[in-house]
Amino acid sequence: MTLIVGIWTSEGVVLGADSAATSMLPDGRHTVLQYYPDKINLIGDTVAVASTGAVGFQQRFVDKVAGLANARKLGQRRDLDAGRLISNSIVQDFQHTRAQSGEYGALVALPVKGGPPALIEFDARTLQPEVKTSSCWYVSMGSGQTVADPLLGFAREAFWGNKPPSKEGAIFCTMFVMSLSCKMCPSGVREPIQIAVVEPANGKVLARFLTDDQLREHRQHVNDVVSRISSLTKYDQPKVKPPMPSTDRRIDTVQKP
């Protein structure tokens, strides 16, 4: 089982993933849920790939993208051209072993010609590319998508409206969605959370993982925000009855001598 999240911003791309994998029988029945911390792969120091689906397909997808990146066939292309090239290469490779569609999907963050790093979704049904933009800037994939999508929608509505967040805001949003999904998702999405960033740095584009300290800092920020939201609601607070008006109507009297 898997949950991956991608958020595009003009300052860089953020990818998040959980760390659970499920073994399956040939008939599709799940057997064992196990720890798998490698759903995000960095290719060199410029490209990041987040995967959902069979590990064997992930290995082949990452290998093909690495070959294209190492041959310098990606960074000099526009975002959609890079997406087409990757899709064509992957579809041909998968057809060699008669792989069925719907078994693997991916998010790729990479440098492109004429703009900031791109986020390209490769749909699990067809592996066709979709470039994320300022009007459609986030995506989730995997078995946890049914939980993650409403959380992404809530974060957009509550924090950013129709505009993409900053890079730091995207990291917060990714941690917000991933951490809550790991608590609520019924389909085997599990901690620990991985987050990678592909961003311009010193005239280049660099891909990196967040360190454990950085992950803890952003998780604490999420906890603080959730606590703040909780403190704002009054519906579950005990009701305090207002004090009753005074009934003391004593009249001053003058005592007779």
C-alpha atoms as a PDB file:
ATOM      1  CA  MET A   1       0.000   0.000   0.000  1.00  0.00           C
ATOM      2  CA  THR A   2       1.218   3.470  -0.771  1.00  0.00           C
ATOM      3  CA  LEU A   3       0.631   7.169  -0.519  1.00  0.00           C
ATOM      4  CA  ILE A   4       2.714   9.665  -2.464  1.00  0.00           C
ATOM      5  CA  VAL A   5       2.085  13.424  -2.614  1.00  0.00           C
ATOM      6  CA  GLY A   6       3.518  16.050  -4.936  1.00  0.00           C
ATOM      7  CA  ILE A   7       3.228  19.848  -4.726  1.00  0.00           C
ATOM      8  CA  TRP A   8       4.494  22.298  -7.344  1.00  0.00           C
ATOM      9  CA  THR A   9       5.565  25.822  -6.438  1.00  0.00           C
ATOM     10  CA  SER A  10       7.501  28.518  -8.293  1.00  0.00           C
ATOM     11  CA  GLU A  11      10.299  27.970  -5.743  1.00  0.00           C
ATOM     12  CA  GLY A  12      10.610  24.217  -6.192  1.00  0.00           C
ATOM     13  CA  VAL A  13       8.815  20.878  -6.030  1.00  0.00           C
ATOM     14  CA  VAL A  14       8.058  18.877  -2.876  1.00  0.00           C
ATOM     15  CA  LEU A  15       7.451  15.111  -2.868  1.00  0.00           C
ATOM     16  CA  GLY A  16       6.263  13.023   0.078  1.00  0.00           C
ATOM     17  CA  ALA A  17       5.825   9.282   0.610  1.00  0.00           C
ATOM     18  CA  ASP A  18       5.007   6.801   3.330  1.00  0.00           C
ATOM     19  CA  SER A  19       7.091   3.698   4.116  1.00  0.00           C
ATOM     20  CA  ALA A  20       4.777   0.692   3.783  1.00  0.00           C
ATOM     21  CA  ALA A  21       4.787  -2.038   1.159  1.00  0.00           C
ATOM     22  CA  THR A  22       2.395  -4.959   0.850  1.00  0.00           C
ATOM     23  CA  SER A  23       3.243  -8.417  -0.448  1.00  0.00           C
ATOM     24  CA  MET A  24       0.537  -9.985  -2.594  1.00  0.00           C
ATOM     25  CA  LEU A  25      -0.475 -13.380  -3.903  1.00  0.00           C
ATOM     26  CA  PRO A  26      -0.979 -13.849  -7.675  1.00  0.00           C
ATOM     27  CA  ASP A  27      -4.732 -13.490  -7.201  1.00  0.00           C
ATOM     28  CA  GLY A  28      -4.268 -10.031  -5.664  1.00  0.00           C
ATOM     29  CA  ARG A  29      -4.825 -10.921  -2.020  1.00  0.00           C
ATOM     30  CA  HIS A  30      -2.563  -9.058   0.395  1.00  0.00           C
ATOM     31  CA  THR A  31      -0.346 -11.058   2.715  1.00  0.00           C
ATOM     32  CA  VAL A  32       2.295  -9.094   4.638  1.00  0.00           C
ATOM     33  CA  LEU A  33       2.672  -5.365   5.302  1.00  0.00           C
ATOM     34  CA  GLN A  34       6.363  -4.516   5.558  1.00  0.00           C
ATOM     35  CA  TYR A  35       8.673  -1.536   5.971  1.00  0.00           C
ATOM     36  CA  TYR A  36       9.845  -0.052   2.663  1.00  0.00           C
ATOM     37  CA  PRO A  37      11.558   3.358   2.957  1.00  0.00           C
ATOM     38  CA  ASP A  38      12.569   3.768  -0.704  1.00  0.00           C
ATOM     39  CA  LYS A  39       9.465   5.062  -2.461  1.00  0.00           C
ATOM     40  CA  ILE A  40      11.298   8.279  -3.336  1.00  0.00           C
ATOM     41  CA  ASN A  41      14.485   7.913  -5.384  1.00  0.00           C
ATOM     42  CA  LEU A  42      16.945  10.699  -6.152  1.00  0.00           C
ATOM     43  CA  ILE A  43      18.628  10.467  -9.537  1.00  0.00           C
ATOM     44  CA  GLY A  44      21.970  12.210  -9.398  1.00  0.00           C
ATOM     45  CA  ASP A  45      21.469  15.509  -7.618  1.00  0.00           C
ATOM     46  CA  THR A  46      18.763  16.986  -9.856  1.00  0.00           C
ATOM     47  CA  VAL A  47      15.811  14.569 -10.266  1.00  0.00           C
ATOM     48  CA  ALA A  48      13.438  12.920  -7.772  1.00  0.00           C
ATOM     49  CA  VAL A  49      10.963  10.116  -8.492  1.00  0.00           C
ATOM     50  CA  ALA A  50       8.132   9.039  -6.159  1.00  0.00           C
ATOM     51  CA  SER A  51       6.499   5.707  -6.971  1.00  0.00           C
ATOM     52  CA  THR A  52       3.291   3.810  -6.283  1.00  0.00           C
ATOM     53  CA  GLY A  53       2.872   0.200  -7.357  1.00  0.00           C
ATOM     54  CA  ALA A  54       5.012  -2.897  -7.660  1.00  0.00           C
ATOM     55  CA  VAL A  55       8.649  -2.509  -6.638  1.00  0.00           C
ATOM     56  CA  GLY A  56       9.809  -4.175  -9.858  1.00  0.00           C
ATOM     57  CA  PHE A  57       8.079  -1.515 -11.943  1.00  0.00           C
ATOM     58  CA  GLN A  58       9.610   1.162  -9.738  1.00  0.00           C
ATOM     59  CA  GLN A  59      13.081  -0.224 -10.378  1.00  0.00           C
ATOM     60  CA  ARG A  60      12.533  -0.195 -14.138  1.00  0.00           C
ATOM     61  CA  PHE A  61      10.979   3.287 -14.156  1.00  0.00           C
ATOM     62  CA  VAL A  62      13.804   4.791 -12.103  1.00  0.00           C
ATOM     63  CA  ASP A  63      16.404   3.046 -14.278  1.00  0.00           C
ATOM     64  CA  LYS A  64      14.884   4.469 -17.466  1.00  0.00           C
ATOM     65  CA  VAL A  65      14.606   8.005 -16.064  1.00  0.00           C
ATOM     66  CA  ALA A  66      18.190   7.776 -14.799  1.00  0.00           C
ATOM     67  CA  GLY A  67      19.361   6.754 -18.267  1.00  0.00           C
ATOM     68  CA  LEU A  68      17.603   9.732 -19.848  1.00  0.00           C
ATOM     69  CA  ALA A  69      18.928  12.126 -17.190  1.00  0.00           C
ATOM     70  CA  ASN A  70      22.494  10.840 -17.448  1.00  0.00           C
ATOM     71  CA  ALA A  71      22.355  11.205 -21.226  1.00  0.00           C
ATOM     72  CA  ARG A  72      21.291  14.850 -20.702  1.00  0.00           C
ATOM     73  CA  LYS A  73      18.021  14.313 -22.573  1.00  0.00           C
ATOM     74  CA  LEU A  74      15.726  15.847 -19.949  1.00  0.00           C
ATOM     75  CA  GLY A  75      17.054  19.111 -18.520  1.00  0.00           C
ATOM     76  CA  GLN A  76      17.211  20.862 -21.911  1.00  0.00           C
ATOM     77  CA  ARG A  77      13.563  20.168 -22.761  1.00  0.00           C
ATOM     78  CA  ARG A  78      10.339  21.930 -21.905  1.00  0.00           C
ATOM     79  CA  ASP A  79       8.287  20.277 -19.184  1.00  0.00           C
ATOM     80  CA  LEU A  80       5.735  18.596 -21.450  1.00  0.00           C
ATOM     81  CA  ASP A  81       8.401  17.440 -23.892  1.00  0.00           C
ATOM     82  CA  ALA A  82      10.291  15.827 -21.017  1.00  0.00           C
ATOM     83  CA  GLY A  83       7.063  14.151 -19.917  1.00  0.00           C
ATOM     84  CA  ARG A  84       6.431  12.755 -23.391  1.00  0.00           C
ATOM     85  CA  LEU A  85       9.979  11.398 -23.643  1.00  0.00           C
ATOM     86  CA  ILE A  86       9.758   9.653 -20.262  1.00  0.00           C
ATOM     87  CA  SER A  87       6.297   8.239 -20.983  1.00  0.00           C
ATOM     88  CA  ASN A  88       7.309   6.868 -24.376  1.00  0.00           C
ATOM     89  CA  SER A  89      10.433   5.223 -22.933  1.00  0.00           C
ATOM     90  CA  ILE A  90       8.559   3.660 -20.017  1.00  0.00           C
ATOM     91  CA  VAL A  91       5.593   2.399 -22.066  1.00  0.00           C
ATOM     92  CA  GLN A  92       7.954   0.677 -24.507  1.00  0.00           C
ATOM     93  CA  ASP A  93       9.927  -0.908 -21.673  1.00  0.00           C
ATOM     94  CA  PHE A  94       6.819  -2.177 -19.892  1.00  0.00           C
ATOM     95  CA  GLN A  95       5.399  -3.623 -23.122  1.00  0.00           C
ATOM     96  CA  HIS A  96       8.479  -5.816 -23.490  1.00  0.00           C
ATOM     97  CA  THR A  97       7.223  -7.898 -20.556  1.00  0.00           C
ATOM     98  CA  ARG A  98       3.511  -7.449 -21.332  1.00  0.00           C
ATOM     99  CA  ALA A  99       2.948  -5.425 -18.164  1.00  0.00           C
ATOM    100  CA  GLN A 100      -0.683  -4.482 -17.642  1.00  0.00           C
ATOM    101  CA  SER A 101      -1.689  -0.840 -17.276  1.00  0.00           C
ATOM    102  CA  GLY A 102      -2.868   0.300 -13.868  1.00  0.00           C
ATOM    103  CA  GLU A 103      -0.069  -1.401 -11.934  1.00  0.00           C
ATOM    104  CA  TYR A 104       2.345   1.512 -11.498  1.00  0.00           C
ATOM    105  CA  GLY A 105       2.260   5.310 -11.294  1.00  0.00           C
ATOM    106  CA  ALA A 106       4.868   7.955 -10.547  1.00  0.00           C
ATOM    107  CA  LEU A 107       5.597  11.590  -9.800  1.00  0.00           C
ATOM    108  CA  VAL A 108       8.781  13.063 -11.270  1.00  0.00           C
ATOM    109  CA  ALA A 109      10.361  16.361 -10.201  1.00  0.00           C
ATOM    110  CA  LEU A 110      13.106  17.585 -12.493  1.00  0.00           C
ATOM    111  CA  PRO A 111      14.772  20.651 -14.027  1.00  0.00           C
ATOM    112  CA  VAL A 112      13.353  21.797 -17.372  1.00  0.00           C
ATOM    113  CA  LYS A 113      14.091  24.432 -19.971  1.00  0.00           C
ATOM    114  CA  GLY A 114      12.613  27.883 -19.510  1.00  0.00           C
ATOM    115  CA  GLY A 115      11.210  27.682 -16.002  1.00  0.00           C
ATOM    116  CA  PRO A 116      11.440  26.414 -12.434  1.00  0.00           C
ATOM    117  CA  PRO A 117      11.639  22.668 -11.684  1.00  0.00           C
ATOM    118  CA  ALA A 118       8.653  20.781 -13.051  1.00  0.00           C
ATOM    119  CA  LEU A 119       6.340  18.273 -11.389  1.00  0.00           C
ATOM    120  CA  ILE A 120       5.012  15.659 -13.818  1.00  0.00           C
ATOM    121  CA  GLU A 121       2.411  13.062 -12.890  1.00  0.00           C
ATOM    122  CA  PHE A 122       2.458   9.725 -14.743  1.00  0.00           C
ATOM    123  CA  ASP A 123      -1.033   8.349 -14.271  1.00  0.00           C
ATOM    124  CA  ALA A 124      -1.186   4.746 -13.057  1.00  0.00           C
ATOM    125  CA  ARG A 125      -3.844   3.836 -15.639  1.00  0.00           C
ATOM    126  CA  THR A 126      -1.978   4.930 -18.767  1.00  0.00           C
ATOM    127  CA  LEU A 127       1.422   6.390 -17.734  1.00  0.00           C
ATOM    128  CA  GLN A 128       0.507   9.517 -19.685  1.00  0.00           C
ATOM    129  CA  PRO A 129       2.227  12.717 -18.443  1.00  0.00           C
ATOM    130  CA  GLU A 130       0.433  15.620 -16.782  1.00  0.00           C
ATOM    131  CA  VAL A 131       2.438  18.715 -15.892  1.00  0.00           C
ATOM    132  CA  LYS A 132       1.406  20.481 -12.688  1.00  0.00           C
ATOM    133  CA  THR A 133       0.961  24.254 -12.958  1.00  0.00           C
ATOM    134  CA  SER A 134      -0.046  27.266 -10.894  1.00  0.00           C
ATOM    135  CA  SER A 135      -3.716  26.414 -11.517  1.00  0.00           C
ATOM    136  CA  CYS A 136      -3.378  22.676 -10.744  1.00  0.00           C
ATOM    137  CA  TRP A 137      -0.466  22.423  -8.360  1.00  0.00           C
ATOM    138  CA  TYR A 138      -0.883  19.323  -6.204  1.00  0.00           C
ATOM    139  CA  VAL A 139      -1.493  15.606  -6.614  1.00  0.00           C
ATOM    140  CA  SER A 140      -1.685  12.412  -4.564  1.00  0.00           C
ATOM    141  CA  MET A 141      -1.498   8.816  -5.758  1.00  0.00           C
ATOM    142  CA  GLY A 142      -1.767   5.338  -4.298  1.00  0.00           C
ATOM    143  CA  SER A 143      -4.144   3.502  -2.017  1.00  0.00           C
ATOM    144  CA  GLY A 144      -4.187   6.442   0.397  1.00  0.00           C
ATOM    145  CA  GLN A 145      -5.448   8.903  -2.218  1.00  0.00           C
ATOM    146  CA  THR A 146      -9.048   8.733  -0.998  1.00  0.00           C
ATOM    147  CA  VAL A 147      -7.908  10.178   2.335  1.00  0.00           C
ATOM    148  CA  ALA A 148      -5.153  12.472   1.056  1.00  0.00           C
ATOM    149  CA  ASP A 149      -7.164  14.314  -1.614  1.00  0.00           C
ATOM    150  CA  PRO A 150      -9.718  15.785   0.845  1.00  0.00           C
ATOM    151  CA  LEU A 151      -6.854  16.822   3.145  1.00  0.00           C
ATOM    152  CA  LEU A 152      -5.102  18.534   0.245  1.00  0.00           C
ATOM    153  CA  GLY A 153      -8.352  20.286  -0.638  1.00  0.00           C
ATOM    154  CA  PHE A 154      -8.785  21.415   2.959  1.00  0.00           C
ATOM    155  CA  ALA A 155      -5.210  22.751   3.115  1.00  0.00           C
ATOM    156  CA  ARG A 156      -5.707  24.666  -0.134  1.00  0.00           C
ATOM    157  CA  GLU A 157      -8.968  26.197   1.065  1.00  0.00           C
ATOM    158  CA  ALA A 158      -7.751  26.986   4.592  1.00  0.00           C
ATOM    159  CA  PHE A 159      -4.250  28.256   3.892  1.00  0.00           C
ATOM    160  CA  TRP A 160      -3.664  29.280   0.259  1.00  0.00           C
ATOM    161  CA  GLY A 161      -6.857  29.572  -1.763  1.00  0.00           C
ATOM    162  CA  ASN A 162      -6.255  29.219  -5.494  1.00  0.00           C
ATOM    163  CA  LYS A 163      -2.568  30.161  -5.414  1.00  0.00           C
ATOM    164  CA  PRO A 164       0.284  27.687  -4.897  1.00  0.00           C
ATOM    165  CA  PRO A 165       2.095  27.987  -1.554  1.00  0.00           C
ATOM    166  CA  SER A 166       5.717  28.892  -1.038  1.00  0.00           C
ATOM    167  CA  LYS A 167       8.239  26.058  -0.911  1.00  0.00           C
ATOM    168  CA  GLU A 168       8.127  26.068   2.894  1.00  0.00           C
ATOM    169  CA  GLY A 169       4.340  26.094   2.741  1.00  0.00           C
ATOM    170  CA  ALA A 170       4.447  23.099   0.396  1.00  0.00           C
ATOM    171  CA  ILE A 171       6.657  21.193   2.843  1.00  0.00           C
ATOM    172  CA  PHE A 172       4.205  21.988   5.643  1.00  0.00           C
ATOM    173  CA  CYS A 173       1.264  20.903   3.463  1.00  0.00           C
ATOM    174  CA  THR A 174       3.002  17.640   2.537  1.00  0.00           C
ATOM    175  CA  MET A 175       3.730  16.830   6.176  1.00  0.00           C
ATOM    176  CA  PHE A 176       0.185  17.835   7.155  1.00  0.00           C
ATOM    177  CA  VAL A 177      -1.393  15.515   4.591  1.00  0.00           C
ATOM    178  CA  MET A 178       1.039  12.632   5.061  1.00  0.00           C
ATOM    179  CA  SER A 179       0.951  12.596   8.866  1.00  0.00           C
ATOM    180  CA  LEU A 180      -2.851  12.761   9.094  1.00  0.00           C
ATOM    181  CA  SER A 181      -3.248  10.178   6.327  1.00  0.00           C
ATOM    182  CA  CYS A 182      -0.975   7.752   8.172  1.00  0.00           C
ATOM    183  CA  LYS A 183      -3.297   8.069  11.176  1.00  0.00           C
ATOM    184  CA  MET A 184      -6.590   7.798   9.310  1.00  0.00           C
ATOM    185  CA  CYS A 185      -6.028   5.766   6.152  1.00  0.00           C
ATOM    186  CA  PRO A 186      -7.522   2.251   6.359  1.00  0.00           C
ATOM    187  CA  SER A 187      -5.383   0.825   3.555  1.00  0.00           C
ATOM    188  CA  GLY A 188      -1.990   0.296   5.154  1.00  0.00           C
ATOM    189  CA  VAL A 189      -0.293   3.700   4.804  1.00  0.00           C
ATOM    190  CA  ARG A 190       2.393   3.873   7.478  1.00  0.00           C
ATOM    191  CA  GLU A 191       5.131   6.014   8.975  1.00  0.00           C
ATOM    192  CA  PRO A 192       7.920   7.048   8.719  1.00  0.00           C
ATOM    193  CA  ILE A 193       7.337   9.846   6.250  1.00  0.00           C
ATOM    194  CA  GLN A 194       9.885  10.742   3.567  1.00  0.00           C
ATOM    195  CA  ILE A 195      10.008  14.205   2.007  1.00  0.00           C
ATOM    196  CA  ALA A 196      12.233  15.343  -0.854  1.00  0.00           C
ATOM    197  CA  VAL A 197      12.658  18.780  -2.419  1.00  0.00           C
ATOM    198  CA  VAL A 198      13.858  19.699  -5.919  1.00  0.00           C
ATOM    199  CA  GLU A 199      14.751  23.393  -5.960  1.00  0.00           C
ATOM    200  CA  PRO A 200      16.967  26.019  -7.591  1.00  0.00           C
ATOM    201  CA  ALA A 201      20.190  26.561  -5.627  1.00  0.00           C
ATOM    202  CA  ASN A 202      23.270  28.598  -6.602  1.00  0.00           C
ATOM    203  CA  GLY A 203      22.329  28.721 -10.260  1.00  0.00           C
ATOM    204  CA  LYS A 204      21.558  24.991 -10.469  1.00  0.00           C
ATOM    205  CA  VAL A 205      18.707  22.658  -9.573  1.00  0.00           C
ATOM    206  CA  LEU A 206      19.340  20.343  -6.644  1.00  0.00           C
ATOM    207  CA  ALA A 207      17.360  17.394  -5.291  1.00  0.00           C
ATOM    208  CA  ARG A 208      17.599  16.538  -1.605  1.00  0.00           C
ATOM    209  CA  PHE A 209      15.869  14.699   1.204  1.00  0.00           C
ATOM    210  CA  LEU A 210      14.804  16.550   4.323  1.00  0.00           C
ATOM    211  CA  THR A 211      16.893  15.534   7.319  1.00  0.00           C
ATOM    212  CA  ASP A 212      15.373  13.925  10.408  1.00  0.00           C
ATOM    213  CA  ASP A 213      15.719  17.223  12.289  1.00  0.00           C
ATOM    214  CA  GLN A 214      13.922  19.099   9.516  1.00  0.00           C
ATOM    215  CA  LEU A 215      11.151  16.491   9.444  1.00  0.00           C
ATOM    216  CA  ARG A 216      10.692  16.812  13.211  1.00  0.00           C
ATOM    217  CA  GLU A 217      10.509  20.604  12.927  1.00  0.00           C
ATOM    218  CA  HIS A 218       7.798  20.468  10.272  1.00  0.00           C
ATOM    219  CA  ARG A 219       5.881  17.776  12.147  1.00  0.00           C
ATOM    220  CA  GLN A 220       5.861  19.996  15.230  1.00  0.00           C
ATOM    221  CA  HIS A 221       4.505  22.837  13.105  1.00  0.00           C
ATOM    222  CA  VAL A 222       1.705  20.547  11.911  1.00  0.00           C
ATOM    223  CA  ASN A 223       0.932  19.516  15.494  1.00  0.00           C
ATOM    224  CA  ASP A 224       0.814  23.162  16.531  1.00  0.00           C
ATOM    225  CA  VAL A 225      -1.615  24.012  13.725  1.00  0.00           C
ATOM    226  CA  VAL A 226      -3.875  21.050  14.533  1.00  0.00           C
ATOM    227  CA  SER A 227      -3.865  22.053  18.216  1.00  0.00           C
ATOM    228  CA  ARG A 228      -4.736  25.616  17.246  1.00  0.00           C
ATOM    229  CA  ILE A 229      -7.642  24.430  15.098  1.00  0.00           C
ATOM    230  CA  SER A 230      -8.850  22.272  17.980  1.00  0.00           C
ATOM    231  CA  SER A 231      -8.760  25.214  20.372  1.00  0.00           C
ATOM    232  CA  LEU A 232     -10.970  27.303  18.083  1.00  0.00           C
ATOM    233  CA  THR A 233     -14.027  25.073  18.211  1.00  0.00           C
ATOM    234  CA  LYS A 234     -16.570  25.571  20.989  1.00  0.00           C
ATOM    235  CA  TYR A 235     -18.948  22.771  20.118  1.00  0.00           C
ATOM    236  CA  ASP A 236     -17.322  20.190  22.363  1.00  0.00           C
ATOM    237  CA  GLN A 237     -16.539  22.496  25.260  1.00  0.00           C
ATOM    238  CA  PRO A 238     -18.548  22.058  28.476  1.00  0.00           C
ATOM    239  CA  LYS A 239     -21.322  24.589  28.662  1.00  0.00           C
ATOM    240  CA  VAL A 240     -21.161  26.947  31.636  1.00  0.00           C
ATOM    241  CA  LYS A 241     -24.513  28.232  32.795  1.00  0.00           C
ATOM    242  CA  PRO A 242     -24.652  32.003  33.247  1.00  0.00           C
ATOM    243  CA  PRO A 243     -25.083  33.160  36.837  1.00  0.00           C
ATOM    244  CA  MET A 244     -28.659  33.567  37.974  1.00  0.00           C
ATOM    245  CA  PRO A 245     -29.811  37.139  38.613  1.00  0.00           C
ATOM    246  CA  SER A 246     -29.834  38.150  42.242  1.00  0.00           C
ATOM    247  CA  THR A 247     -33.106  37.540  44.133  1.00  0.00           C
ATOM    248  CA  ASP A 248     -32.089  39.599  47.142  1.00  0.00           C
ATOM    249  CA  ARG A 249     -34.838  42.194  47.371  1.00  0.00           C
ATOM    250  CA  ARG A 250     -34.325  43.259  50.992  1.00  0.00           C
ATOM    251  CA  ILE A 251     -35.849  46.557  52.064  1.00  0.00           C
ATOM    252  CA  ASP A 252     -34.028  48.739  54.503  1.00  0.00           C
ATOM    253  CA  THR A 253     -36.140  49.397  57.594  1.00  0.00           C
ATOM    254  CA  VAL A 254     -35.781  51.804  60.453  1.00  0.00           C
ATOM    255  CA  GLN A 255     -35.982  50.168  63.818  1.00  0.00           C
ATOM    256  CA  LYS A 256     -38.235  51.826  66.265  1.00  0.00           C
ATOM    257  CA  PRO A 257     -36.678  52.827  69.552  1.00  0.00           C
END
